[in-house]
Amino acid sequence: MSFKKFYSYFLAEHPETLHCSPHSHHYWPDVTRAAHLAYWQDSAQGADQKWDIIFGERIPRVQQLLAQMLGHPHPEQFVFAPNTHELVYRIFSCFDAGKPLRILTTDGEFHSFSRQLRRIEERGNVTVERVACEPFATFGQRWEKALRAGSYDLIFISQVFFNSGVVAPWVDDWLHLVPEQTQVVIDGYHGCGALPTSLKDVADRVFYLAGSYKYLQAGEGCCFMSVPQGTLLRPEYTGWFADFANLAKPQQGPVGYADDGMRFAGATMDYSALYRLEAVLQWWHDDGLTINAIHQHVQRLQQNFLAMLDDVQHPLLNRQTLLLHDADQHGHFFTFALESAGQVAEFAAQLRAQGVETDYRGKRLRFGFALYHDADDFDCLKKALS
């Protein structure tokens, strides 16, 4: 089945382009256009009372849809922010900056987190253990060894590593090694909406981060985090949304927080992306389009892509330069490791000139796959490589 008809607006704007970077900037499906206008309409109709609509109707609906998609038993534990970095820093702010902090993570985390972590290390009382992602075949054993060897206040790991597409060991497989007092954060941004994911068995133990910019297809501005039910953490970095229900009461004494996921909320934000996200999730729900079905579609595309590469035998794009550990445990983009950042930038520019959009990070060139791709789309890439 072709899904191109659901992306007619974006595809019409780029008729001569093969967009191979949906893992970075995903095309929006047509349903998001009316949703964007609905935000305007609710703002006009509600005016000063628009927050009643957003908090009373829109947020609960998106929470419910996310909970259904992720197998999360507590929809009210989802909180929203413009980006995941804001949510991550709220978690950091739960720890006393004057006390030692021990963190376990990897060397393959996204730039915002790795940059923030380096900055926090400058305090002098923060110790970070970074487990190397490569070689991928032994990462699971090395990760468990680190878990057993140390006692940490915070553990942070991606569901899918952004610079390779390799899937990390799922938290349910190693959570039994983590003490109850340790906070566990899973960065699901490159997995959510792409890989079948269930938080059912870990919902009350881990924070799960993701957002709308990539595989949830709703554009920038709506990230979210599932918060363990019953947590008593008190983010120092907080805002008026974190106790929205009690705004009318006297604001005296210790700062209060909501009893659900909203205790990690911030302040005023543009919720238009939440409306777009609602439209995407509602479309999938109404059409019975499951994450498993989306994943199978992409896996077929990936197989076609690899067959095309085998046929072309390109000196740069081939199975030898591909960072692929296990095709059955891989995200929705392929990453090729070339000799230098300069070579990657030059090659990406050549592809763009021939109508193939990719993206790259340093020496790594990435090709992504989406619902708006069909197998015959790769004819364009094959021509560019031949």
Foldseek 3Di string as FASTA:
>chain_A
DAPQVQQVVVCVVQVLFDEFALQFFNRAGPLLVVLLVVLVVLCVVCVVHSVCCCVVPLQLLLLVLLCVQAVNPDSLQKEKWLDVLLLVVLVVQLDDLVAAFEEEEAPQADPSVVVVVVVSVVSVRYHYHHQYCPPVVCSQVSSLVVLQPDAGQEYEYEQARPQFQFGDPDCVVRVVSHDQNHAYEYEDALPPLAPRHYCNVCLQRYKYKYACRHNLRLRGGIIMIRYHQPDPRQGPQAACQQPVVCPVPDCDDDGDGDRHNSVSYHDDGSCSSSSSSSSSSVVCVVVVPHSVNFNVQLLVLVVLVQVLCVVLVFPQDHPVQWSDDDSVRGTFKIKGADDWQVVQVVVQVLLVVLNYHWDHDTRITMGGDGSNDDSCVCVSVSVSRD
